[in-house]
Amino acid sequence: MASLVYILGALTSLLCAIFLLRGYTQGRSPLLLWSGLCFSGLALSNLLVFVDLVMLPNIDLYLLRLSVTAISMFLLLIGLVWESQ
């Protein structure tokens, strides 16, 4: 059951990223680009949770997952600061 939740979280983040990036291609708002990149990274992070906890339980990918999430949040922060100026 937990593996289903991990997959659904990754698919939800990926779907959000697709919608945000598609909105960027139509409207060219930079904040949509940064948000889409952030959600792409979060989808990758959620996929790494599935790989770490379900597929490869003997290998610790915690630091990689945390790094991908931090980079994703940093991208969103860049977008927010860029738009506020």
C-alpha atoms as a PDB file:
ATOM      1  CA  MET A   1       0.000   0.000   0.000  1.00  0.00           C
ATOM      2  CA  ALA A   2       2.852   2.398   0.794  1.00  0.00           C
ATOM      3  CA  SER A   3       4.379   1.845  -2.644  1.00  0.00           C
ATOM      4  CA  LEU A   4       1.095   2.933  -4.243  1.00  0.00           C
ATOM      5  CA  VAL A   5       1.192   6.179  -2.252  1.00  0.00           C
ATOM      6  CA  TYR A   6       4.796   6.823  -3.372  1.00  0.00           C
ATOM      7  CA  ILE A   7       3.871   6.280  -7.025  1.00  0.00           C
ATOM      8  CA  LEU A   8       0.752   8.442  -6.765  1.00  0.00           C
ATOM      9  CA  GLY A   9       2.792  11.244  -5.185  1.00  0.00           C
ATOM     10  CA  ALA A  10       5.313  11.087  -8.023  1.00  0.00           C
ATOM     11  CA  LEU A  11       2.569  11.045 -10.661  1.00  0.00           C
ATOM     12  CA  THR A  12       0.787  13.984  -9.040  1.00  0.00           C
ATOM     13  CA  SER A  13       3.980  16.050  -8.965  1.00  0.00           C
ATOM     14  CA  LEU A  14       4.713  15.106 -12.570  1.00  0.00           C
ATOM     15  CA  LEU A  15       1.212  16.094 -13.653  1.00  0.00           C
ATOM     16  CA  CYS A  16       1.576  19.464 -11.906  1.00  0.00           C
ATOM     17  CA  ALA A  17       4.931  19.983 -13.622  1.00  0.00           C
ATOM     18  CA  ILE A  18       3.431  19.176 -17.021  1.00  0.00           C
ATOM     19  CA  PHE A  19       0.555  21.619 -16.515  1.00  0.00           C
ATOM     20  CA  LEU A  20       2.850  24.379 -15.262  1.00  0.00           C
ATOM     21  CA  LEU A  21       5.331  23.970 -18.110  1.00  0.00           C
ATOM     22  CA  ARG A  22       2.523  23.808 -20.650  1.00  0.00           C
ATOM     23  CA  GLY A  23       1.120  27.022 -19.164  1.00  0.00           C
ATOM     24  CA  TYR A  24       4.549  28.575 -19.527  1.00  0.00           C
ATOM     25  CA  THR A  25       4.714  27.719 -23.224  1.00  0.00           C
ATOM     26  CA  GLN A  26       1.349  29.400 -23.764  1.00  0.00           C
ATOM     27  CA  GLY A  27       1.759  32.494 -21.594  1.00  0.00           C
ATOM     28  CA  ARG A  28       5.544  32.939 -21.166  1.00  0.00           C
ATOM     29  CA  SER A  29       5.266  33.840 -17.494  1.00  0.00           C
ATOM     30  CA  PRO A  30       8.666  33.173 -15.882  1.00  0.00           C
ATOM     31  CA  LEU A  31       7.092  32.136 -12.581  1.00  0.00           C
ATOM     32  CA  LEU A  32       5.350  29.252 -14.359  1.00  0.00           C
ATOM     33  CA  LEU A  33       8.719  28.094 -15.678  1.00  0.00           C
ATOM     34  CA  TRP A  34      10.365  28.144 -12.261  1.00  0.00           C
ATOM     35  CA  SER A  35       7.375  26.430 -10.667  1.00  0.00           C
ATOM     36  CA  GLY A  36       7.352  23.781 -13.388  1.00  0.00           C
ATOM     37  CA  LEU A  37      11.050  23.113 -12.852  1.00  0.00           C
ATOM     38  CA  CYS A  38      10.462  22.858  -9.109  1.00  0.00           C
ATOM     39  CA  PHE A  39       7.658  20.330  -9.539  1.00  0.00           C
ATOM     40  CA  SER A  40       9.766  18.359 -12.004  1.00  0.00           C
ATOM     41  CA  GLY A  41      12.419  18.038  -9.336  1.00  0.00           C
ATOM     42  CA  LEU A  42       9.809  17.108  -6.734  1.00  0.00           C
ATOM     43  CA  ALA A  43       8.509  14.390  -9.048  1.00  0.00           C
ATOM     44  CA  LEU A  44      12.045  13.060  -9.346  1.00  0.00           C
ATOM     45  CA  SER A  45      12.410  13.215  -5.567  1.00  0.00           C
ATOM     46  CA  ASN A  46       9.173  11.277  -5.093  1.00  0.00           C
ATOM     47  CA  LEU A  47      10.331   8.705  -7.600  1.00  0.00           C
ATOM     48  CA  LEU A  48      13.567   8.379  -5.636  1.00  0.00           C
ATOM     49  CA  VAL A  49      11.502   7.727  -2.498  1.00  0.00           C
ATOM     50  CA  PHE A  50       9.887   4.780  -4.272  1.00  0.00           C
ATOM     51  CA  VAL A  51      13.238   3.488  -5.516  1.00  0.00           C
ATOM     52  CA  ASP A  52      14.867   3.958  -2.114  1.00  0.00           C
ATOM     53  CA  LEU A  53      12.186   2.406   0.074  1.00  0.00           C
ATOM     54  CA  VAL A  54      10.616  -0.192  -2.230  1.00  0.00           C
ATOM     55  CA  MET A  55      13.012  -1.240  -4.967  1.00  0.00           C
ATOM     56  CA  LEU A  56      16.389  -0.869  -3.206  1.00  0.00           C
ATOM     57  CA  PRO A  57      15.735  -1.057   0.545  1.00  0.00           C
ATOM     58  CA  ASN A  58      19.365  -2.005   1.292  1.00  0.00           C
ATOM     59  CA  ILE A  59      20.784   1.126  -0.332  1.00  0.00           C
ATOM     60  CA  ASP A  60      20.321   4.471   1.439  1.00  0.00           C
ATOM     61  CA  LEU A  61      19.363   7.216  -1.018  1.00  0.00           C
ATOM     62  CA  TYR A  62      18.290   9.677   1.657  1.00  0.00           C
ATOM     63  CA  LEU A  63      21.005  12.228   0.934  1.00  0.00           C
ATOM     64  CA  LEU A  64      20.271  12.120  -2.814  1.00  0.00           C
ATOM     65  CA  ARG A  65      16.535  12.529  -2.210  1.00  0.00           C
ATOM     66  CA  LEU A  66      17.156  15.438   0.146  1.00  0.00           C
ATOM     67  CA  SER A  67      19.536  17.094  -2.327  1.00  0.00           C
ATOM     68  CA  VAL A  68      17.064  16.842  -5.209  1.00  0.00           C
ATOM     69  CA  THR A  69      14.306  18.306  -3.037  1.00  0.00           C
ATOM     70  CA  ALA A  70      16.533  21.153  -1.836  1.00  0.00           C
ATOM     71  CA  ILE A  71      17.561  22.036  -5.396  1.00  0.00           C
ATOM     72  CA  SER A  72      13.903  21.979  -6.458  1.00  0.00           C
ATOM     73  CA  MET A  73      12.892  24.319  -3.650  1.00  0.00           C
ATOM     74  CA  PHE A  74      15.843  26.577  -4.488  1.00  0.00           C
ATOM     75  CA  LEU A  75      14.598  26.834  -8.085  1.00  0.00           C
ATOM     76  CA  LEU A  76      11.199  27.940  -6.836  1.00  0.00           C
ATOM     77  CA  LEU A  77      12.849  30.452  -4.512  1.00  0.00           C
ATOM     78  CA  ILE A  78      14.841  31.867  -7.443  1.00  0.00           C
ATOM     79  CA  GLY A  79      11.622  32.268  -9.413  1.00  0.00           C
ATOM     80  CA  LEU A  80       9.856  34.014  -6.558  1.00  0.00           C
ATOM     81  CA  VAL A  81      12.729  36.427  -5.962  1.00  0.00           C
ATOM     82  CA  TRP A  82      13.101  37.083  -9.691  1.00  0.00           C
ATOM     83  CA  GLU A  83       9.386  37.933 -10.030  1.00  0.00           C
ATOM     84  CA  SER A  84       9.391  40.228  -6.997  1.00  0.00           C
ATOM     85  CA  GLN A  85      11.991  42.548  -8.529  1.00  0.00           C
END
